[in-house]
Amino acid sequence: HSDHIVAEAVEAVEHEGAARLADILLRRVPVALSAC
């Protein structure tokens, strides 16, 4: 359902200090907050 890609998650881990899936999906690439 998303236009966001895995590369965004990898960038969040490698360059933004994201360490957990929740951090990626809720704060760095906040797709987990979408209605669907």
Full PDB file with SEQRES, HELIX, SHEET, SSBOND, CRYST1, ORIGX, SCALE, CONECT and MASTER records, all heavy atoms in Angstrom:
SEQRES   1 A   36  HIS SER ASP HIS ILE VAL ALA GLU ALA VAL GLU ALA VAL          
SEQRES   2 A   36  GLU HIS GLU GLY ALA ALA ARG LEU ALA ASP ILE LEU LEU          
SEQRES   3 A   36  ARG ARG VAL PRO VAL ALA LEU SER ALA CYS                      
HELIX    1 AA1 VAL A    6  GLU A   16  1                                  11    
HELIX    2 AA2 LEU A   21  ASP A   23  1                                   3    
HELIX    3 AA3 ILE A   24  ARG A   28  3                                   5    
HELIX    4 AA4 VAL A   31  LEU A   33  5                                   3    
CRYST1    1.000    1.000    1.000  90.00  90.00  90.00 P 1           1          
ORIGX1      1.000000  0.000000  0.000000        0.00000                         
ORIGX2      0.000000  1.000000  0.000000        0.00000                         
ORIGX3      0.000000  0.000000  1.000000        0.00000                         
SCALE1      1.000000  0.000000  0.000000        0.00000                         
SCALE2      0.000000  1.000000  0.000000        0.00000                         
SCALE3      0.000000  0.000000  1.000000        0.00000                         
ATOM      1  N   HIS A   1       0.807  -1.231   0.000  1.00  0.00           N  
ATOM      2  CA  HIS A   1       0.000   0.000   0.000  1.00  0.00           C  
ATOM      3  C   HIS A   1       0.832   1.268   0.000  1.00  0.00           C  
ATOM      4  O   HIS A   1       0.281   2.355   0.056  1.00  0.00           O  
ATOM      5  CB  HIS A   1      -0.883   0.052   1.259  1.00  0.00           C  
ATOM      6  CG  HIS A   1      -1.614  -1.199   1.548  1.00  0.00           C  
ATOM      7  ND1 HIS A   1      -1.406  -1.945   2.680  1.00  0.00           N  
ATOM      8  CD2 HIS A   1      -2.540  -1.869   0.834  1.00  0.00           C  
ATOM      9  CE1 HIS A   1      -2.177  -2.996   2.662  1.00  0.00           C  
ATOM     10  NE2 HIS A   1      -2.875  -2.979   1.552  1.00  0.00           N  
ATOM     11  N   SER A   2       2.133   1.145  -0.011  1.00  0.00           N  
ATOM     12  CA  SER A   2       2.997   2.305   0.208  1.00  0.00           C  
ATOM     13  C   SER A   2       3.865   2.627  -0.998  1.00  0.00           C  
ATOM     14  O   SER A   2       4.306   1.729  -1.723  1.00  0.00           O  
ATOM     15  CB  SER A   2       3.897   2.028   1.421  1.00  0.00           C  
ATOM     16  OG  SER A   2       4.774   3.101   1.628  1.00  0.00           O  
ATOM     17  N   ASP A   3       4.133   3.908  -1.183  1.00  0.00           N  
ATOM     18  CA  ASP A   3       5.102   4.340  -2.182  1.00  0.00           C  
ATOM     19  C   ASP A   3       6.498   4.436  -1.582  1.00  0.00           C  
ATOM     20  O   ASP A   3       7.466   4.651  -2.301  1.00  0.00           O  
ATOM     21  CB  ASP A   3       4.712   5.711  -2.753  1.00  0.00           C  
ATOM     22  CG  ASP A   3       3.448   5.632  -3.600  1.00  0.00           C  
ATOM     23  OD1 ASP A   3       3.190   4.574  -4.187  1.00  0.00           O  
ATOM     24  OD2 ASP A   3       2.709   6.630  -3.646  1.00  0.00           O  
ATOM     25  N   HIS A   4       6.605   4.315  -0.258  1.00  0.00           N  
ATOM     26  CA  HIS A   4       7.903   4.351   0.399  1.00  0.00           C  
ATOM     27  C   HIS A   4       8.631   3.042   0.141  1.00  0.00           C  
ATOM     28  O   HIS A   4       8.027   1.972   0.130  1.00  0.00           O  
ATOM     29  CB  HIS A   4       7.736   4.591   1.903  1.00  0.00           C  
ATOM     30  CG  HIS A   4       7.208   5.938   2.218  1.00  0.00           C  
ATOM     31  ND1 HIS A   4       8.005   7.056   2.248  1.00  0.00           N  
ATOM     32  CD2 HIS A   4       5.946   6.354   2.490  1.00  0.00           C  
ATOM     33  CE1 HIS A   4       7.261   8.105   2.537  1.00  0.00           C  
ATOM     34  NE2 HIS A   4       6.014   7.713   2.686  1.00  0.00           N  
ATOM     35  N   ILE A   5       9.935   3.138  -0.066  1.00  0.00           N  
ATOM     36  CA  ILE A   5      10.709   1.958  -0.457  1.00  0.00           C  
ATOM     37  C   ILE A   5      11.709   1.551   0.616  1.00  0.00           C  
ATOM     38  O   ILE A   5      12.029   2.322   1.514  1.00  0.00           O  
ATOM     39  CB  ILE A   5      11.431   2.205  -1.808  1.00  0.00           C  
ATOM     40  CG1 ILE A   5      12.391   3.392  -1.714  1.00  0.00           C  
ATOM     41  CG2 ILE A   5      10.413   2.404  -2.929  1.00  0.00           C  
ATOM     42  CD1 ILE A   5      13.240   3.616  -2.966  1.00  0.00           C  
ATOM     43  N   VAL A   6      12.197   0.339   0.489  1.00  0.00           N  
ATOM     44  CA  VAL A   6      13.138  -0.231   1.451  1.00  0.00           C  
ATOM     45  C   VAL A   6      14.385   0.641   1.585  1.00  0.00           C  
ATOM     46  O   VAL A   6      14.937   0.775   2.680  1.00  0.00           O  
ATOM     47  CB  VAL A   6      13.496  -1.679   1.060  1.00  0.00           C  
ATOM     48  CG1 VAL A   6      14.580  -2.246   1.950  1.00  0.00           C  
ATOM     49  CG2 VAL A   6      12.247  -2.556   1.105  1.00  0.00           C  
ATOM     50  N   ALA A   7      14.832   1.264   0.516  1.00  0.00           N  
ATOM     51  CA  ALA A   7      16.019   2.127   0.573  1.00  0.00           C  
ATOM     52  C   ALA A   7      15.850   3.243   1.601  1.00  0.00           C  
ATOM     53  O   ALA A   7      16.827   3.650   2.238  1.00  0.00           O  
ATOM     54  CB  ALA A   7      16.324   2.715  -0.800  1.00  0.00           C  
ATOM     55  N   GLU A   8      14.646   3.728   1.790  1.00  0.00           N  
ATOM     56  CA  GLU A   8      14.404   4.761   2.804  1.00  0.00           C  
ATOM     57  C   GLU A   8      14.684   4.225   4.206  1.00  0.00           C  
ATOM     58  O   GLU A   8      15.256   4.927   5.045  1.00  0.00           O  
ATOM     59  CB  GLU A   8      12.969   5.268   2.724  1.00  0.00           C  
ATOM     60  CG  GLU A   8      12.681   6.043   1.453  1.00  0.00           C  
ATOM     61  CD  GLU A   8      11.241   6.460   1.376  1.00  0.00           C  
ATOM     62  OE1 GLU A   8      10.854   7.426   2.076  1.00  0.00           O  
ATOM     63  OE2 GLU A   8      10.493   5.826   0.613  1.00  0.00           O  
ATOM     64  N   ALA A   9      14.293   2.988   4.441  1.00  0.00           N  
ATOM     65  CA  ALA A   9      14.554   2.359   5.740  1.00  0.00           C  
ATOM     66  C   ALA A   9      16.047   2.154   5.948  1.00  0.00           C  
ATOM     67  O   ALA A   9      16.576   2.405   7.033  1.00  0.00           O  
ATOM     68  CB  ALA A   9      13.822   1.024   5.835  1.00  0.00           C  
ATOM     69  N   VAL A  10      16.733   1.730   4.908  1.00  0.00           N  
ATOM     70  CA  VAL A  10      18.178   1.522   5.000  1.00  0.00           C  
ATOM     71  C   VAL A  10      18.885   2.843   5.272  1.00  0.00           C  
ATOM     72  O   VAL A  10      19.789   2.915   6.114  1.00  0.00           O  
ATOM     73  CB  VAL A  10      18.711   0.847   3.718  1.00  0.00           C  
ATOM     74  CG1 VAL A  10      20.237   0.816   3.693  1.00  0.00           C  
ATOM     75  CG2 VAL A  10      18.147  -0.566   3.594  1.00  0.00           C  
ATOM     76  N   GLU A  11      18.479   3.889   4.614  1.00  0.00           N  
ATOM     77  CA  GLU A  11      19.058   5.214   4.867  1.00  0.00           C  
ATOM     78  C   GLU A  11      18.818   5.642   6.313  1.00  0.00           C  
ATOM     79  O   GLU A  11      19.699   6.219   6.948  1.00  0.00           O  
ATOM     80  CB  GLU A  11      18.467   6.258   3.909  1.00  0.00           C  
ATOM     81  CG  GLU A  11      19.061   6.216   2.529  1.00  0.00           C  
ATOM     82  CD  GLU A  11      20.519   6.637   2.495  1.00  0.00           C  
ATOM     83  OE1 GLU A  11      20.865   7.705   3.036  1.00  0.00           O  
ATOM     84  OE2 GLU A  11      21.318   5.874   1.928  1.00  0.00           O  
ATOM     85  N   ALA A  12      17.627   5.351   6.823  1.00  0.00           N  
ATOM     86  CA  ALA A  12      17.317   5.697   8.222  1.00  0.00           C  
ATOM     87  C   ALA A  12      18.251   4.970   9.180  1.00  0.00           C  
ATOM     88  O   ALA A  12      18.697   5.541  10.172  1.00  0.00           O  
ATOM     89  CB  ALA A  12      15.865   5.364   8.541  1.00  0.00           C  
ATOM     90  N   VAL A  13      18.571   3.731   8.881  1.00  0.00           N  
ATOM     91  CA  VAL A  13      19.473   2.946   9.731  1.00  0.00           C  
ATOM     92  C   VAL A  13      20.907   3.444   9.583  1.00  0.00           C  
ATOM     93  O   VAL A  13      21.593   3.686  10.581  1.00  0.00           O  
ATOM     94  CB  VAL A  13      19.388   1.437   9.383  1.00  0.00           C  
ATOM     95  CG1 VAL A  13      20.493   0.645  10.068  1.00  0.00           C  
ATOM     96  CG2 VAL A  13      18.017   0.897   9.763  1.00  0.00           C  
ATOM     97  N   GLU A  14      21.354   3.619   8.361  1.00  0.00           N  
ATOM     98  CA  GLU A  14      22.757   3.957   8.108  1.00  0.00           C  
ATOM     99  C   GLU A  14      23.117   5.412   8.389  1.00  0.00           C  
ATOM    100  O   GLU A  14      24.265   5.696   8.725  1.00  0.00           O  
ATOM    101  CB  GLU A  14      23.117   3.595   6.664  1.00  0.00           C  
ATOM    102  CG  GLU A  14      23.114   2.094   6.426  1.00  0.00           C  
ATOM    103  CD  GLU A  14      23.468   1.716   5.004  1.00  0.00           C  
ATOM    104  OE1 GLU A  14      23.601   2.612   4.128  1.00  0.00           O  
ATOM    105  OE2 GLU A  14      23.606   0.508   4.756  1.00  0.00           O  
ATOM    106  N   HIS A  15      22.158   6.331   8.252  1.00  0.00           N  
ATOM    107  CA  HIS A  15      22.513   7.751   8.353  1.00  0.00           C  
ATOM    108  C   HIS A  15      21.718   8.545   9.381  1.00  0.00           C  
ATOM    109  O   HIS A  15      22.033   9.708   9.624  1.00  0.00           O  
ATOM    110  CB  HIS A  15      22.381   8.421   6.982  1.00  0.00           C  
ATOM    111  CG  HIS A  15      23.275   7.804   5.951  1.00  0.00           C  
ATOM    112  ND1 HIS A  15      24.633   7.985   5.948  1.00  0.00           N  
ATOM    113  CD2 HIS A  15      23.003   6.968   4.924  1.00  0.00           C  
ATOM    114  CE1 HIS A  15      25.161   7.307   4.951  1.00  0.00           C  
ATOM    115  NE2 HIS A  15      24.199   6.671   4.320  1.00  0.00           N  
ATOM    116  N   GLU A  16      20.672   7.933   9.955  1.00  0.00           N  
ATOM    117  CA  GLU A  16      19.851   8.668  10.917  1.00  0.00           C  
ATOM    118  C   GLU A  16      19.819   8.006  12.287  1.00  0.00           C  
ATOM    119  O   GLU A  16      19.115   8.468  13.179  1.00  0.00           O  
ATOM    120  CB  GLU A  16      18.422   8.804  10.385  1.00  0.00           C  
ATOM    121  CG  GLU A  16      18.334   9.619   9.107  1.00  0.00           C  
ATOM    122  CD  GLU A  16      16.932   9.680   8.558  1.00  0.00           C  
ATOM    123  OE1 GLU A  16      15.965   9.437   9.318  1.00  0.00           O  
ATOM    124  OE2 GLU A  16      16.779   9.975   7.362  1.00  0.00           O  
ATOM    125  N   GLY A  17      20.538   6.923  12.442  1.00  0.00           N  
ATOM    126  CA  GLY A  17      20.637   6.276  13.737  1.00  0.00           C  
ATOM    127  C   GLY A  17      19.454   5.400  14.121  1.00  0.00           C  
ATOM    128  O   GLY A  17      19.331   5.010  15.281  1.00  0.00           O  
ATOM    129  N   ALA A  18      18.582   5.090  13.185  1.00  0.00           N  
ATOM    130  CA  ALA A  18      17.475   4.190  13.503  1.00  0.00           C  
ATOM    131  C   ALA A  18      18.027   2.804  13.790  1.00  0.00           C  
ATOM    132  O   ALA A  18      18.860   2.291  13.042  1.00  0.00           O  
ATOM    133  CB  ALA A  18      16.479   4.136  12.339  1.00  0.00           C  
ATOM    134  N   ALA A  19      17.582   2.216  14.878  1.00  0.00           N  
ATOM    135  CA  ALA A  19      18.102   0.908  15.263  1.00  0.00           C  
ATOM    136  C   ALA A  19      17.016  -0.161  15.300  1.00  0.00           C  
ATOM    137  O   ALA A  19      17.330  -1.341  15.255  1.00  0.00           O  
ATOM    138  CB  ALA A  19      18.777   0.993  16.633  1.00  0.00           C  
ATOM    139  N   ARG A  20      15.775   0.252  15.407  1.00  0.00           N  
ATOM    140  CA  ARG A  20      14.659  -0.686  15.557  1.00  0.00           C  
ATOM    141  C   ARG A  20      13.638  -0.471  14.456  1.00  0.00           C  
ATOM    142  O   ARG A  20      13.496   0.631  13.925  1.00  0.00           O  
ATOM    143  CB  ARG A  20      13.974  -0.474  16.918  1.00  0.00           C  
ATOM    144  CG  ARG A  20      14.860  -0.526  18.152  1.00  0.00           C  
ATOM    145  CD  ARG A  20      15.513  -1.879  18.394  1.00  0.00           C  
ATOM    146  NE  ARG A  20      14.579  -2.987  18.351  1.00  0.00           N  
ATOM    147  CZ  ARG A  20      14.011  -3.533  19.407  1.00  0.00           C  
ATOM    148  NH1 ARG A  20      14.266  -3.080  20.610  1.00  0.00           N  
ATOM    149  NH2 ARG A  20      13.166  -4.541  19.259  1.00  0.00           N  
ATOM    150  N   LEU A  21      12.904  -1.510  14.140  1.00  0.00           N  
ATOM    151  CA  LEU A  21      11.860  -1.426  13.124  1.00  0.00           C  
ATOM    152  C   LEU A  21      10.829  -0.360  13.494  1.00  0.00           C  
ATOM    153  O   LEU A  21      10.404   0.414  12.638  1.00  0.00           O  
ATOM    154  CB  LEU A  21      11.184  -2.792  12.964  1.00  0.00           C  
ATOM    155  CG  LEU A  21      10.088  -2.878  11.905  1.00  0.00           C  
ATOM    156  CD1 LEU A  21      10.660  -2.639  10.510  1.00  0.00           C  
ATOM    157  CD2 LEU A  21       9.385  -4.224  11.983  1.00  0.00           C  
ATOM    158  N   ALA A  22      10.461  -0.306  14.764  1.00  0.00           N  
ATOM    159  CA  ALA A  22       9.476   0.693  15.198  1.00  0.00           C  
ATOM    160  C   ALA A  22       9.975   2.109  14.933  1.00  0.00           C  
ATOM    161  O   ALA A  22       9.205   2.972  14.507  1.00  0.00           O  
ATOM    162  CB  ALA A  22       9.165   0.519  16.679  1.00  0.00           C  
ATOM    163  N   ASP A  23      11.236   2.353  15.172  1.00  0.00           N  
ATOM    164  CA  ASP A  23      11.800   3.678  14.915  1.00  0.00           C  
ATOM    165  C   ASP A  23      11.706   4.011  13.427  1.00  0.00           C  
ATOM    166  O   ASP A  23      11.338   5.117  13.048  1.00  0.00           O  
ATOM    167  CB  ASP A  23      13.254   3.736  15.392  1.00  0.00           C  
ATOM    168  CG  ASP A  23      13.824   5.137  15.364  1.00  0.00           C  
ATOM    169  OD1 ASP A  23      13.050   6.109  15.474  1.00  0.00           O  
ATOM    170  OD2 ASP A  23      15.051   5.257  15.244  1.00  0.00           O  
ATOM    171  N   ILE A  24      12.005   3.035  12.586  1.00  0.00           N  
ATOM    172  CA  ILE A  24      11.932   3.254  11.139  1.00  0.00           C  
ATOM    173  C   ILE A  24      10.499   3.553  10.725  1.00  0.00           C  
ATOM    174  O   ILE A  24      10.229   4.562  10.059  1.00  0.00           O  
ATOM    175  CB  ILE A  24      12.450   2.017  10.370  1.00  0.00           C  
ATOM    176  CG1 ILE A  24      13.938   1.793  10.621  1.00  0.00           C  
ATOM    177  CG2 ILE A  24      12.166   2.164   8.874  1.00  0.00           C  
ATOM    178  CD1 ILE A  24      14.453   0.434  10.168  1.00  0.00           C  
ATOM    179  N   LEU A  25       9.555   2.695  11.112  1.00  0.00           N  
ATOM    180  CA  LEU A  25       8.186   2.775  10.614  1.00  0.00           C  
ATOM    181  C   LEU A  25       7.324   3.835  11.284  1.00  0.00           C  
ATOM    182  O   LEU A  25       6.323   4.268  10.712  1.00  0.00           O  
ATOM    183  CB  LEU A  25       7.503   1.416  10.753  1.00  0.00           C  
ATOM    184  CG  LEU A  25       8.147   0.265   9.989  1.00  0.00           C  
ATOM    185  CD1 LEU A  25       7.388  -1.032  10.263  1.00  0.00           C  
ATOM    186  CD2 LEU A  25       8.228   0.550   8.498  1.00  0.00           C  
ATOM    187  N   LEU A  26       7.694   4.263  12.488  1.00  0.00           N  
ATOM    188  CA  LEU A  26       6.887   5.265  13.196  1.00  0.00           C  
ATOM    189  C   LEU A  26       7.495   6.661  13.183  1.00  0.00           C  
ATOM    190  O   LEU A  26       6.770   7.648  13.307  1.00  0.00           O  
ATOM    191  CB  LEU A  26       6.665   4.839  14.653  1.00  0.00           C  
ATOM    192  CG  LEU A  26       5.761   3.634  14.842  1.00  0.00           C  
ATOM    193  CD1 LEU A  26       5.828   3.137  16.282  1.00  0.00           C  
ATOM    194  CD2 LEU A  26       4.323   3.981  14.457  1.00  0.00           C  
ATOM    195  N   ARG A  27       8.814   6.763  13.064  1.00  0.00           N  
ATOM    196  CA  ARG A  27       9.442   8.081  13.162  1.00  0.00           C  
ATOM    197  C   ARG A  27      10.264   8.488  11.943  1.00  0.00           C  
ATOM    198  O   ARG A  27      10.214   9.643  11.529  1.00  0.00           O  
ATOM    199  CB  ARG A  27      10.310   8.128  14.425  1.00  0.00           C  
ATOM    200  CG  ARG A  27       9.471   8.210  15.686  1.00  0.00           C  
ATOM    201  CD  ARG A  27      10.309   8.135  16.942  1.00  0.00           C  
ATOM    202  NE  ARG A  27      10.776   6.792  17.221  1.00  0.00           N  
ATOM    203  CZ  ARG A  27      10.026   5.808  17.706  1.00  0.00           C  
ATOM    204  NH1 ARG A  27       8.751   5.999  17.936  1.00  0.00           N  
ATOM    205  NH2 ARG A  27      10.550   4.623  17.957  1.00  0.00           N  
ATOM    206  N   ARG A  28      11.023   7.608  11.371  1.00  0.00           N  
ATOM    207  CA  ARG A  28      11.913   7.988  10.256  1.00  0.00           C  
ATOM    208  C   ARG A  28      11.189   7.989   8.921  1.00  0.00           C  
ATOM    209  O   ARG A  28      11.333   8.895   8.127  1.00  0.00           O  
ATOM    210  CB  ARG A  28      13.127   7.064  10.187  1.00  0.00           C  
ATOM    211  CG  ARG A  28      13.870   6.886  11.488  1.00  0.00           C  
ATOM    212  CD  ARG A  28      14.262   8.209  12.109  1.00  0.00           C  
ATOM    213  NE  ARG A  28      14.803   7.960  13.434  1.00  0.00           N  
ATOM    214  CZ  ARG A  28      15.892   8.504  13.904  1.00  0.00           C  
ATOM    215  NH1 ARG A  28      16.555   9.378  13.192  1.00  0.00           N  
ATOM    216  NH2 ARG A  28      16.305   8.205  15.110  1.00  0.00           N  
ATOM    217  N   VAL A  29      10.459   6.928   8.646  1.00  0.00           N  
ATOM    218  CA  VAL A  29       9.624   6.808   7.451  1.00  0.00           C  
ATOM    219  C   VAL A  29       8.232   6.465   7.991  1.00  0.00           C  
ATOM    220  O   VAL A  29       7.849   5.316   8.017  1.00  0.00           O  
ATOM    221  CB  VAL A  29      10.128   5.674   6.516  1.00  0.00           C  
ATOM    222  CG1 VAL A  29       9.346   5.667   5.216  1.00  0.00           C  
ATOM    223  CG2 VAL A  29      11.621   5.776   6.248  1.00  0.00           C  
ATOM    224  N   PRO A  30       7.489   7.441   8.481  1.00  0.00           N  
ATOM    225  CA  PRO A  30       6.309   7.157   9.305  1.00  0.00           C  
ATOM    226  C   PRO A  30       5.118   6.540   8.565  1.00  0.00           C  
ATOM    227  O   PRO A  30       3.987   6.986   8.692  1.00  0.00           O  
ATOM    228  CB  PRO A  30       5.972   8.526   9.895  1.00  0.00           C  
ATOM    229  CG  PRO A  30       6.498   9.498   8.909  1.00  0.00           C  
ATOM    230  CD  PRO A  30       7.733   8.864   8.322  1.00  0.00           C  
ATOM    231  N   VAL A  31       5.378   5.478   7.824  1.00  0.00           N  
ATOM    232  CA  VAL A  31       4.308   4.811   7.088  1.00  0.00           C  
ATOM    233  C   VAL A  31       3.341   4.077   8.005  1.00  0.00           C  
ATOM    234  O   VAL A  31       2.178   3.887   7.660  1.00  0.00           O  
ATOM    235  CB  VAL A  31       4.865   3.830   6.038  1.00  0.00           C  
ATOM    236  CG1 VAL A  31       5.603   4.565   4.940  1.00  0.00           C  
ATOM    237  CG2 VAL A  31       5.755   2.785   6.675  1.00  0.00           C  
ATOM    238  N   ALA A  32       3.785   3.645   9.172  1.00  0.00           N  
ATOM    239  CA  ALA A  32       2.922   2.880  10.075  1.00  0.00           C  
ATOM    240  C   ALA A  32       1.849   3.745  10.725  1.00  0.00           C  
ATOM    241  O   ALA A  32       1.012   3.233  11.455  1.00  0.00           O  
ATOM    242  CB  ALA A  32       3.764   2.182  11.141  1.00  0.00           C  
ATOM    243  N   LEU A  33       1.850   5.027  10.431  1.00  0.00           N  
ATOM    244  CA  LEU A  33       0.820   5.916  10.949  1.00  0.00           C  
ATOM    245  C   LEU A  33      -0.283   6.162   9.921  1.00  0.00           C  
ATOM    246  O   LEU A  33      -1.242   6.867  10.212  1.00  0.00           O  
ATOM    247  CB  LEU A  33       1.438   7.250  11.382  1.00  0.00           C  
ATOM    248  CG  LEU A  33       2.488   7.139  12.476  1.00  0.00           C  
ATOM    249  CD1 LEU A  33       3.083   8.509  12.772  1.00  0.00           C  
ATOM    250  CD2 LEU A  33       1.904   6.515  13.731  1.00  0.00           C  
ATOM    251  N   SER A  34      -0.148   5.575   8.742  1.00  0.00           N  
ATOM    252  CA  SER A  34      -1.159   5.774   7.706  1.00  0.00           C  
ATOM    253  C   SER A  34      -2.414   4.979   8.035  1.00  0.00           C  
ATOM    254  O   SER A  34      -2.382   3.996   8.779  1.00  0.00           O  
ATOM    255  CB  SER A  34      -0.618   5.375   6.330  1.00  0.00           C  
ATOM    256  OG  SER A  34      -0.405   3.980   6.278  1.00  0.00           O  
ATOM    257  N   ALA A  35      -3.525   5.405   7.485  1.00  0.00           N  
ATOM    258  CA  ALA A  35      -4.823   4.801   7.795  1.00  0.00           C  
ATOM    259  C   ALA A  35      -4.912   3.341   7.376  1.00  0.00           C  
ATOM    260  O   ALA A  35      -5.604   2.557   8.013  1.00  0.00           O  
ATOM    261  CB  ALA A  35      -5.935   5.602   7.129  1.00  0.00           C  
ATOM    262  N   CYS A  36      -4.227   2.947   6.317  1.00  0.00           N  
ATOM    263  CA  CYS A  36      -4.359   1.575   5.832  1.00  0.00           C  
ATOM    264  C   CYS A  36      -3.315   0.623   6.419  1.00  0.00           C  
ATOM    265  O   CYS A  36      -3.328  -0.565   6.121  1.00  0.00           O  
ATOM    266  CB  CYS A  36      -4.289   1.546   4.311  1.00  0.00           C  
ATOM    267  SG  CYS A  36      -2.643   1.858   3.633  1.00  0.00           S  
TER     268      CYS A  36                                                      
MASTER        0    0    0    4    0    0    0    6  267    1    0    3          
END                                                                             
